[in-house]
């Protein structure tokens, strides 16, 4: 998926938030991003974090993951990929399988739409939560 980023004013907070999210594979919540960024900018506010996460997401520089009943999570990997979320602890991991490429091509042919991308989240219970359940 090719996105044309809007030219955003580059603030220290925005730059650091983007750097930190790009370095993480844990798909952090806004609160987790806040705790990480506070180590570099001690006086940053939670509101600044929330606003910048929304702006970066709207601009296509990060991916916002919204699932009903759970906190939003953010992903620095904006390429097409899939997620597996534990319904017990909320942990999210990336999956690298690419089974939807053919579906994209078929849908494009059938509908004459240019397919820009897709999102897929699988849900389950992680090994750690499964072990605690027994």
Foldseek 3Di string as FASTA:
>chain_A
DDADFDDDDDDPLLVVLLVVQLPDQFQAFLVVSVVVVCVVVVPDDSVVSVVSQVSCCVRQQWPWDDDPPDGITIHRDSDAWAWEAEPPPGTIGTDHDDVCPVVQVVCCVVPVDNDPYDYYYHYHHDPVRVVVVD
